[in-house]
N, C-alpha and C. Protein backbone atom coordinates (compact mmCIF):
# COMPACT_ATOMS: atom_id res chain seq x y z
N MET A 1 128.53 86.44 88.84
CA MET A 1 127.53 85.98 89.41
C MET A 1 127.75 84.88 90.72
N SER A 2 127.50 85.04 92.05
CA SER A 2 127.30 84.50 93.40
C SER A 2 127.15 82.85 92.47
N LYS A 3 128.23 81.72 93.67
CA LYS A 3 127.19 80.80 93.64
C LYS A 3 126.10 80.33 94.19
N ILE A 4 125.72 81.55 94.98
CA ILE A 4 124.32 81.81 95.05
C ILE A 4 122.99 81.97 94.12
N ALA A 5 123.69 82.66 93.38
CA ALA A 5 122.91 83.21 92.58
C ALA A 5 122.54 82.21 90.61
N GLN A 6 123.76 81.38 91.27
CA GLN A 6 123.55 80.33 90.33
C GLN A 6 122.74 79.10 90.48
N LEU A 7 121.59 79.00 91.85
CA LEU A 7 121.39 78.20 92.12
C LEU A 7 120.15 78.20 91.42
N LYS A 8 119.55 76.53 91.13
CA LYS A 8 118.35 76.32 90.60
C LYS A 8 116.87 75.80 91.24
N PRO A 9 116.05 76.54 91.25
CA PRO A 9 115.05 75.67 91.85
C PRO A 9 114.58 74.47 91.00
N GLY A 10 114.23 73.54 91.94
CA GLY A 10 114.16 72.80 91.91
C GLY A 10 115.15 71.62 91.21
N ILE A 11 116.37 71.87 91.34
CA ILE A 11 117.84 70.98 91.19
C ILE A 11 118.55 70.59 92.66
N GLN A 12 118.54 69.42 92.73
CA GLN A 12 118.70 68.91 93.59
C GLN A 12 120.64 68.58 94.31
N TYR A 13 120.57 69.10 94.87
CA TYR A 13 121.95 69.45 95.63
C TYR A 13 122.75 68.28 96.73
N SER A 14 124.19 68.15 96.76
CA SER A 14 124.43 67.31 98.48
C SER A 14 124.38 68.70 99.10
N ASN A 15 124.71 68.12 100.81
CA ASN A 15 124.98 68.99 101.72
C ASN A 15 126.46 69.81 101.33
N LYS A 16 127.51 69.09 101.01
CA LYS A 16 128.39 69.44 100.81
C LYS A 16 127.92 70.89 99.70
N ASP A 17 127.28 70.42 98.59
CA ASP A 17 126.99 72.18 97.94
C ASP A 17 126.38 72.71 98.85
N ILE A 18 125.65 72.52 99.60
CA ILE A 18 124.99 73.96 100.33
C ILE A 18 125.56 74.69 100.96
N TYR A 19 126.96 73.84 102.31
CA TYR A 19 127.79 74.83 102.88
C TYR A 19 128.53 75.40 101.56
N ALA A 20 128.79 75.01 101.16
CA ALA A 20 129.82 75.15 100.12
C ALA A 20 129.72 76.44 99.41
N THR A 21 128.65 76.80 98.49
CA THR A 21 128.00 77.87 98.38
C THR A 21 127.58 78.83 99.15
N PHE A 22 127.32 78.33 100.14
CA PHE A 22 126.39 79.46 101.57
C PHE A 22 127.77 79.67 102.23
N LEU A 23 128.45 79.17 102.64
CA LEU A 23 129.42 79.00 103.79
C LEU A 23 128.65 79.65 104.86
N CYS A 24 127.65 78.16 105.40
CA CYS A 24 127.19 78.10 106.41
C CYS A 24 127.71 76.13 107.26
N GLY A 25 127.27 76.05 108.35
CA GLY A 25 127.45 74.92 108.62
C GLY A 25 127.00 73.88 107.98
N ALA A 26 127.18 72.44 108.56
CA ALA A 26 126.94 71.05 107.08
C ALA A 26 125.38 70.64 108.16
N GLN A 27 125.02 71.01 109.49
CA GLN A 27 123.95 70.19 109.91
C GLN A 27 122.89 71.17 110.80
N GLY A 28 121.85 70.70 110.75
CA GLY A 28 120.94 71.62 111.60
C GLY A 28 119.66 72.21 110.78
N GLY A 29 118.78 72.86 110.42
CA GLY A 29 117.85 72.41 109.76
C GLY A 29 117.22 74.09 109.58
N MET A 30 118.55 74.93 110.31
CA MET A 30 118.94 76.32 109.77
C MET A 30 119.87 76.83 110.34
N ARG A 31 120.45 76.90 109.47
CA ARG A 31 121.93 77.06 108.94
C ARG A 31 122.07 78.88 108.96
N ARG A 32 122.68 79.29 109.87
CA ARG A 32 123.17 80.76 109.06
C ARG A 32 124.20 80.73 108.87
N SER A 33 124.72 81.91 108.11
CA SER A 33 125.62 82.45 107.07
C SER A 33 126.05 83.85 107.39
N TYR A 34 126.54 83.88 108.47
CA TYR A 34 127.30 85.81 108.49
C TYR A 34 128.26 85.99 107.63
N ARG A 35 129.09 85.21 106.64
CA ARG A 35 129.73 85.77 105.54
C ARG A 35 128.99 86.06 104.11
N THR A 36 127.48 85.28 103.96
CA THR A 36 127.30 85.27 102.61
C THR A 36 125.79 86.38 103.35
N ASN A 37 125.57 86.46 104.67
CA ASN A 37 124.04 87.23 105.18
C ASN A 37 122.84 86.21 104.93
N THR A 38 122.63 85.20 104.91
CA THR A 38 121.72 84.14 104.71
C THR A 38 121.71 83.10 105.60
N LEU A 39 120.48 82.82 105.65
CA LEU A 39 119.48 81.79 106.24
C LEU A 39 119.64 80.78 105.41
N VAL A 40 120.09 79.27 106.05
CA VAL A 40 119.42 78.55 104.65
C VAL A 40 118.49 77.27 105.83
N LEU A 41 117.12 76.95 105.18
CA LEU A 41 116.30 76.34 105.97
C LEU A 41 116.40 74.51 105.57
N ILE A 42 116.71 74.10 105.80
CA ILE A 42 115.90 72.57 105.57
C ILE A 42 114.56 71.72 106.12
N ALA A 43 113.95 71.59 105.07
CA ALA A 43 112.71 71.17 105.59
C ALA A 43 113.09 69.27 105.42
N ASN A 44 113.16 68.64 106.29
CA ASN A 44 113.32 67.21 106.32
C ASN A 44 112.11 66.37 105.95
N HIS A 45 112.23 65.69 105.49
CA HIS A 45 110.79 65.38 105.42
C HIS A 45 111.00 63.66 105.78
N THR A 46 111.95 62.97 105.55
CA THR A 46 112.44 61.84 106.18
C THR A 46 112.73 61.55 107.25
N LYS A 47 112.99 62.23 108.39
CA LYS A 47 113.12 61.49 109.88
C LYS A 47 113.43 62.76 110.17
N SER A 48 112.34 63.99 110.60
CA SER A 48 112.15 64.87 110.98
C SER A 48 111.06 64.59 112.18
N ILE A 49 111.33 65.20 113.49
CA ILE A 49 109.85 65.40 114.68
C ILE A 49 109.18 66.83 113.92
N TYR A 50 109.68 67.45 113.01
CA TYR A 50 109.02 68.45 112.76
C TYR A 50 108.01 68.11 111.93
N LYS A 51 106.65 68.63 112.16
CA LYS A 51 105.59 68.59 111.05
C LYS A 51 105.58 70.17 110.07
N ASP A 52 106.75 70.34 108.95
CA ASP A 52 106.78 71.41 108.56
C ASP A 52 105.47 70.65 107.28
N ARG A 53 104.55 71.48 106.75
CA ARG A 53 103.93 71.47 105.32
C ARG A 53 103.43 72.16 104.86
N TRP A 54 102.96 71.92 103.89
CA TRP A 54 103.04 73.07 102.40
C TRP A 54 100.88 73.03 102.75
N GLU A 55 100.05 74.35 102.55
CA GLU A 55 99.31 74.56 102.21
C GLU A 55 99.06 75.80 101.72
N ASN A 56 98.28 75.42 100.60
CA ASN A 56 98.01 76.55 99.61
C ASN A 56 99.09 77.49 99.02
N GLY A 57 100.41 76.73 98.92
CA GLY A 57 101.71 77.41 98.57
C GLY A 57 102.19 77.93 99.38
N VAL A 58 101.94 77.43 100.99
CA VAL A 58 103.10 78.06 101.53
C VAL A 58 103.49 77.39 102.46
N LEU A 59 104.55 77.18 102.80
CA LEU A 59 105.31 76.20 103.86
C LEU A 59 105.04 76.58 105.09
N LYS A 60 104.47 75.70 105.92
CA LYS A 60 104.22 75.76 107.04
C LYS A 60 105.16 75.23 107.67
N TYR A 61 106.59 76.02 108.02
CA TYR A 61 108.09 75.93 108.88
C TYR A 61 107.86 75.76 110.28
N THR A 62 108.19 74.74 110.88
CA THR A 62 108.50 74.55 112.17
C THR A 62 109.96 75.23 112.85
N GLY A 63 109.93 75.77 113.90
CA GLY A 63 111.22 76.32 114.03
C GLY A 63 111.85 75.67 114.77
N MET A 64 113.07 75.91 115.46
CA MET A 64 114.33 75.06 115.67
C MET A 64 114.15 75.30 117.34
N GLY A 65 114.50 74.13 117.64
CA GLY A 65 114.39 73.29 119.19
C GLY A 65 113.57 72.11 118.71
N GLN A 66 114.44 70.99 119.74
CA GLN A 66 113.88 69.21 119.47
C GLN A 66 113.57 68.98 121.15
N ILE A 67 113.66 69.83 122.45
CA ILE A 67 113.55 69.40 123.29
C ILE A 67 112.53 70.55 123.93
N GLY A 68 111.24 70.24 124.36
CA GLY A 68 110.85 71.55 125.29
C GLY A 68 110.13 72.89 124.34
N ASP A 69 109.72 73.29 125.57
CA ASP A 69 108.99 74.56 123.93
C ASP A 69 109.86 75.55 123.68
N GLN A 70 109.99 76.20 122.36
CA GLN A 70 110.99 76.81 121.23
C GLN A 70 110.76 78.04 121.84
N SER A 71 111.71 78.72 121.98
CA SER A 71 112.04 80.30 122.16
C SER A 71 112.33 80.69 120.59
N LEU A 72 112.40 81.90 120.67
CA LEU A 72 112.93 83.12 119.76
C LEU A 72 114.54 83.45 119.80
N HIS A 73 114.37 83.62 121.17
CA HIS A 73 115.90 83.93 121.62
C HIS A 73 116.93 82.69 121.77
N GLY A 74 118.20 83.15 121.26
CA GLY A 74 119.50 82.18 121.51
C GLY A 74 119.17 81.51 120.57
N ASN A 75 118.51 81.36 119.43
CA ASN A 75 118.95 80.88 117.98
C ASN A 75 118.50 81.43 116.95
N GLN A 76 117.91 80.75 115.42
CA GLN A 76 117.87 81.34 114.74
C GLN A 76 116.14 81.34 114.64
N ASN A 77 115.65 81.07 115.28
CA ASN A 77 113.84 81.54 115.29
C ASN A 77 113.88 82.86 115.61
N ILE A 78 114.72 83.82 116.20
CA ILE A 78 114.81 85.36 115.75
C ILE A 78 114.74 86.10 114.87
N THR A 79 116.01 85.19 114.44
CA THR A 79 117.03 85.62 112.72
C THR A 79 115.30 85.27 111.65
N LEU A 80 114.61 84.36 111.83
CA LEU A 80 113.42 84.20 110.73
C LEU A 80 112.45 84.58 110.97
N PHE A 81 112.32 85.14 112.10
CA PHE A 81 111.20 86.05 113.07
C PHE A 81 111.38 87.12 112.27
N GLU A 82 112.81 88.10 112.44
CA GLU A 82 112.66 89.18 111.70
C GLU A 82 113.27 89.49 110.22
N SER A 83 113.06 88.52 109.99
CA SER A 83 114.01 88.55 108.36
C SER A 83 113.32 89.22 107.16
N ASP A 84 111.96 89.63 107.63
CA ASP A 84 111.81 90.81 106.48
C ASP A 84 111.91 91.97 106.71
N THR A 85 112.60 92.36 108.22
CA THR A 85 113.59 93.61 108.51
C THR A 85 115.28 93.54 108.78
N ASN A 86 115.75 92.53 108.70
CA ASN A 86 116.73 91.75 109.15
C ASN A 86 118.38 91.98 107.87
N GLY A 87 117.24 92.11 106.58
CA GLY A 87 118.44 92.06 105.39
C GLY A 87 118.83 91.01 105.07
N VAL A 88 118.74 89.75 106.04
CA VAL A 88 119.39 88.22 105.91
C VAL A 88 118.06 87.50 104.75
N GLU A 89 118.90 87.20 103.80
CA GLU A 89 117.87 86.42 102.74
C GLU A 89 117.88 85.11 103.08
N VAL A 90 116.95 84.26 102.98
CA VAL A 90 116.36 83.34 103.39
C VAL A 90 116.30 82.24 102.16
N HIS A 91 117.17 80.92 102.51
CA HIS A 91 116.78 80.53 101.05
C HIS A 91 116.57 78.49 101.53
N LEU A 92 115.53 78.10 100.66
CA LEU A 92 114.89 76.74 101.32
C LEU A 92 115.34 75.61 100.64
N PHE A 93 115.72 74.51 101.15
CA PHE A 93 115.61 73.08 100.64
C PHE A 93 114.72 72.22 101.09
N GLU A 94 114.69 71.61 100.89
CA GLU A 94 113.41 70.39 101.01
C GLU A 94 114.60 68.89 101.07
N VAL A 95 114.01 67.96 101.64
CA VAL A 95 114.76 66.45 101.39
C VAL A 95 113.69 65.39 101.78
N PHE A 96 113.76 64.66 100.43
CA PHE A 96 111.95 63.80 100.55
C PHE A 96 113.32 61.82 100.22
N LYS A 97 114.20 62.27 100.24
CA LYS A 97 115.33 61.49 99.97
C LYS A 97 116.72 61.73 100.87
N LYS A 98 116.89 60.61 101.97
CA LYS A 98 118.35 60.89 102.16
C LYS A 98 119.52 61.63 101.58
N ARG A 99 119.55 62.76 102.17
CA ARG A 99 120.98 63.55 101.54
C ARG A 99 121.00 64.15 100.00
N ILE A 100 119.67 63.92 99.81
CA ILE A 100 119.43 64.95 98.68
C ILE A 100 118.53 65.65 98.93
N TYR A 101 118.79 67.32 98.40
CA TYR A 101 118.63 68.43 99.18
C TYR A 101 117.98 69.06 97.51
N THR A 102 116.89 69.56 97.66
CA THR A 102 115.92 69.85 96.75
C THR A 102 115.93 71.91 96.75
N TYR A 103 116.34 72.31 95.63
CA TYR A 103 116.58 73.48 96.03
C TYR A 103 114.99 74.21 95.60
N LYS A 104 114.68 74.84 96.95
CA LYS A 104 113.53 75.64 96.41
C LYS A 104 113.25 77.13 95.65
N GLY A 105 114.16 77.75 96.45
CA GLY A 105 114.19 79.35 96.29
C GLY A 105 114.85 80.44 97.01
N GLN A 106 114.69 81.24 97.14
CA GLN A 106 114.73 82.03 98.38
C GLN A 106 113.23 82.47 98.73
N VAL A 107 113.01 82.31 100.09
CA VAL A 107 112.02 82.15 100.69
C VAL A 107 111.55 83.99 101.57
N GLN A 108 110.71 84.07 101.80
CA GLN A 108 109.87 85.14 102.87
C GLN A 108 108.35 84.67 103.59
N LEU A 109 108.64 85.52 104.43
CA LEU A 109 107.60 85.16 105.18
C LEU A 109 106.18 85.85 104.72
N SER A 110 105.41 84.73 104.27
CA SER A 110 103.68 85.34 104.04
C SER A 110 103.24 86.10 104.73
N GLU A 111 103.04 85.46 106.05
CA GLU A 111 102.24 86.15 107.67
C GLU A 111 103.11 86.14 108.91
N LYS A 112 102.38 86.83 109.72
CA LYS A 112 103.04 86.65 111.04
C LYS A 112 103.30 84.84 111.31
N PRO A 113 104.49 85.09 112.13
CA PRO A 113 104.83 83.51 112.49
C PRO A 113 103.69 83.26 113.87
N TYR A 114 103.34 82.52 114.25
CA TYR A 114 102.21 81.85 114.98
C TYR A 114 103.32 80.81 115.94
N GLU A 115 102.56 80.27 117.06
CA GLU A 115 102.72 79.12 118.16
C GLU A 115 101.54 78.10 117.79
N GLU A 116 101.90 77.15 117.56
CA GLU A 116 101.47 75.51 117.82
C GLU A 116 102.29 74.52 118.55
N VAL A 117 100.86 73.21 119.01
CA VAL A 117 101.41 72.58 120.07
C VAL A 117 101.84 71.46 118.94
N GLN A 118 102.97 70.70 119.18
CA GLN A 118 103.83 69.57 118.36
C GLN A 118 104.25 68.55 119.56
N ASP A 119 104.79 67.71 119.28
CA ASP A 119 105.55 66.69 119.73
C ASP A 119 107.13 67.21 119.83
N ASP A 120 107.92 67.11 120.71
CA ASP A 120 109.44 67.00 120.86
C ASP A 120 109.70 65.67 120.33
N GLN A 121 111.07 65.77 120.40
CA GLN A 121 111.70 64.11 120.35
C GLN A 121 111.58 63.35 120.97
N ASP A 122 111.17 63.83 122.61
CA ASP A 122 110.98 62.50 123.08
C ASP A 122 109.04 61.81 123.30
N ASP A 123 108.46 62.64 122.15
CA ASP A 123 107.21 62.62 122.21
C ASP A 123 106.24 62.98 123.21
N TRP A 124 106.63 64.28 123.55
CA TRP A 124 105.82 65.29 124.62
C TRP A 124 105.30 66.23 123.81
N PRO A 125 104.62 66.53 124.26
CA PRO A 125 103.86 68.29 123.64
C PRO A 125 104.63 69.16 123.92
N ARG A 126 104.91 70.07 123.00
CA ARG A 126 105.76 71.50 123.27
C ARG A 126 105.36 72.75 122.45
N THR A 127 105.16 73.85 122.50
CA THR A 127 104.98 74.77 121.64
C THR A 127 106.34 74.91 121.05
N VAL A 128 105.54 75.14 119.40
CA VAL A 128 106.45 75.37 118.81
C VAL A 128 105.99 76.87 118.17
N TRP A 129 107.26 76.99 116.68
CA TRP A 129 106.96 78.39 116.29
C TRP A 129 107.21 77.52 115.13
N ILE A 130 105.96 78.45 114.64
CA ILE A 130 105.33 77.94 112.65
C ILE A 130 106.02 79.14 112.11
N PHE A 131 106.29 79.36 111.06
CA PHE A 131 106.95 80.21 109.97
C PHE A 131 106.45 80.14 109.05
N PRO A 132 105.44 80.92 108.25
CA PRO A 132 104.38 80.71 107.36
C PRO A 132 105.57 81.51 106.04
N LEU A 133 105.92 80.13 104.95
CA LEU A 133 106.77 81.22 104.12
C LEU A 133 106.47 80.77 102.39
N LYS A 134 106.66 81.86 101.96
CA LYS A 134 106.80 81.88 100.36
C LYS A 134 107.70 81.93 99.33
N VAL A 135 107.12 81.15 98.51
CA VAL A 135 108.63 81.57 97.18
C VAL A 135 108.83 82.67 96.87
N VAL A 136 110.10 83.68 96.97
CA VAL A 136 110.10 84.67 96.26
C VAL A 136 110.07 84.47 94.70
N GLY A 137 109.33 85.86 94.34
CA GLY A 137 109.08 85.81 93.00
C GLY A 137 108.37 84.87 92.00
N THR A 138 107.91 83.92 92.64
CA THR A 138 106.74 82.91 92.03
C THR A 138 105.52 82.54 92.67
N VAL A 139 104.15 82.12 92.24
CA VAL A 139 103.48 81.89 93.16
C VAL A 139 103.82 80.63 93.82
N ALA A 140 103.83 79.86 94.42
CA ALA A 140 104.91 78.97 95.20
C ALA A 140 103.65 77.97 95.37
N THR A 141 103.76 76.60 94.53
CA THR A 141 102.63 75.86 94.58
C THR A 141 103.46 74.48 95.22
N GLU A 142 102.62 73.50 96.39
CA GLU A 142 103.39 72.67 97.15
C GLU A 142 103.54 71.71 95.67
N ASN A 143 105.21 70.62 95.58
CA ASN A 143 105.00 69.93 95.13
C ASN A 143 105.35 68.24 95.48
N ILE A 144 105.36 68.02 96.70
CA ILE A 144 105.97 66.91 97.99
C ILE A 144 105.08 66.19 97.00
N PRO A 145 105.69 64.86 95.99
CA PRO A 145 105.11 63.88 95.90
C PRO A 145 104.51 63.01 97.04
N ASP A 146 102.75 62.38 95.98
CA ASP A 146 102.42 61.84 97.18
C ASP A 146 102.69 60.96 98.01
N LYS A 147 103.31 59.83 97.91
CA LYS A 147 103.93 59.26 98.91
C LYS A 147 104.57 59.58 99.72
N ASN A 148 105.72 60.85 99.54
CA ASN A 148 106.41 61.08 100.24
C ASN A 148 104.74 62.20 101.59
N LEU A 149 103.91 62.94 101.17
CA LEU A 149 103.54 63.32 101.36
C LEU A 149 102.79 62.10 103.01
N ASN A 150 101.84 61.41 101.94
CA ASN A 150 101.35 60.17 103.12
C ASN A 150 102.82 59.71 103.85
N ASN A 151 103.82 59.15 103.37
CA ASN A 151 104.81 59.07 105.00
C ASN A 151 104.65 59.20 105.69
N ASN A 152 104.24 61.21 105.40
CA ASN A 152 104.86 62.25 106.85
C ASN A 152 103.53 62.04 107.50
N GLU A 153 102.61 62.00 106.86
CA GLU A 153 101.18 61.90 107.46
C GLU A 153 101.03 60.70 108.27
N SER A 154 101.33 60.19 107.54
CA SER A 154 101.19 58.48 108.53
C SER A 154 102.56 58.52 109.85
N LYS A 155 103.65 59.40 110.29
CA LYS A 155 104.91 59.37 110.94
C LYS A 155 103.55 60.54 111.96
N HIS A 156 103.03 61.61 111.38
CA HIS A 156 101.64 62.35 112.14
C HIS A 156 101.06 61.76 112.86
N ILE A 157 100.30 60.58 112.27
CA ILE A 157 99.35 60.01 112.68
C ILE A 157 99.62 59.34 113.92
N ALA A 158 101.18 58.83 113.24
CA ALA A 158 101.76 57.72 114.39
C ALA A 158 101.85 58.01 115.38
N SER A 159 102.56 59.51 115.61
CA SER A 159 102.58 60.57 116.55
C SER A 159 101.62 60.50 118.05
N ASN A 160 100.52 61.05 116.97
CA ASN A 160 99.11 61.52 117.89
C ASN A 160 98.55 59.88 118.53
N ILE A 161 98.69 58.93 118.32
CA ILE A 161 98.27 57.61 118.70
C ILE A 161 99.13 57.81 120.05
N ARG A 162 100.35 57.52 119.60
CA ARG A 162 101.51 57.30 120.57
C ARG A 162 101.02 58.19 121.97
N LEU A 163 100.91 59.79 121.39
CA LEU A 163 100.35 60.56 122.28
C LEU A 163 99.14 60.54 123.13
N SER A 164 98.27 59.75 122.73
CA SER A 164 97.33 59.33 123.04
C SER A 164 97.04 58.21 123.81
N LEU A 165 98.02 57.33 123.75
CA LEU A 165 98.41 56.40 124.39
C LEU A 165 99.43 56.83 125.61
N LYS A 166 100.38 57.43 125.70
CA LYS A 166 100.86 58.50 126.53
C LYS A 166 99.99 58.84 127.67
N ALA A 167 98.69 59.52 127.16
CA ALA A 167 98.10 59.98 128.03
C ALA A 167 97.12 59.09 128.89
N LYS A 168 96.69 58.38 128.26
CA LYS A 168 95.82 56.89 128.47
C LYS A 168 96.90 56.24 129.91
N ILE A 169 98.24 55.98 129.50
CA ILE A 169 98.71 55.31 130.21
C ILE A 169 99.12 55.79 131.44
N LEU A 170 99.28 57.53 131.97
CA LEU A 170 99.78 58.14 132.51
C LEU A 170 98.17 58.26 133.62
N SER A 171 96.92 58.50 132.87
CA SER A 171 95.36 58.37 133.63
C SER A 171 95.15 56.79 134.22
N VAL A 172 95.91 56.38 133.96
CA VAL A 172 95.61 54.93 134.34
C VAL A 172 96.43 55.04 135.77
N THR A 173 97.86 55.37 135.15
CA THR A 173 98.57 55.18 136.38
C THR A 173 98.06 56.06 137.81
N TRP A 174 97.53 57.28 137.50
CA TRP A 174 97.16 57.80 138.43
C TRP A 174 96.00 57.14 139.11
N VAL A 175 95.29 55.87 138.17
CA VAL A 175 94.32 55.80 138.93
C VAL A 175 94.27 54.34 139.36
N ILE A 176 95.81 53.85 139.55
CA ILE A 176 96.00 52.63 140.13
C ILE A 176 97.06 52.73 141.02
N THR A 177 97.85 53.77 141.34
CA THR A 177 98.92 54.19 142.13
C THR A 177 97.84 54.14 143.96
N PRO A 178 98.42 53.36 144.31
CA PRO A 178 97.82 53.95 145.56
C PRO A 178 98.13 55.01 146.56
N MET A 179 97.53 55.68 147.47
CA MET A 179 97.58 56.92 148.17
C MET A 179 98.16 56.43 149.31
N VAL A 180 99.46 56.89 149.53
CA VAL A 180 99.94 56.92 150.87
C VAL A 180 99.83 57.66 152.27
N PRO A 181 99.27 56.71 153.17
CA PRO A 181 99.02 58.31 154.16
C PRO A 181 99.98 58.79 154.64
């Protein structure tokens, strides 16, 4: 039995366990391994700019890229986008506490990926890819503890307030900036 097949949903693993099991990189939210033909996804709810969220048993997972509009090309977004046809197994871990990765299981696209607007790491709005994912072989339900969900929602509210303030500052700057003839 392979190391991957021995993973159990709901069990917590270390980052070292993940890269030793999947033979992938040790950093990032999307970790491709050609040696195991897998893509490991990390939904980090502790310090992420991404707004990954569970809705009706489907994880709306934000694509790769921290600055500017996200692209499907030149990164692992295309691997996930084509995961229904490219033969790559996709596995999901969630982080609610620093350095503790909870294995959710193998996942697959539950519907066609789409684009939405989120802030980048500099708090500027940009277009991101959203990948709706469900756990394979089970009826997935979100089990994010309320306190983590509330903390994540608080971060998103604060982000929206910052965006609103930034827009107001820019509009005030335009109003009070004198025109030079």
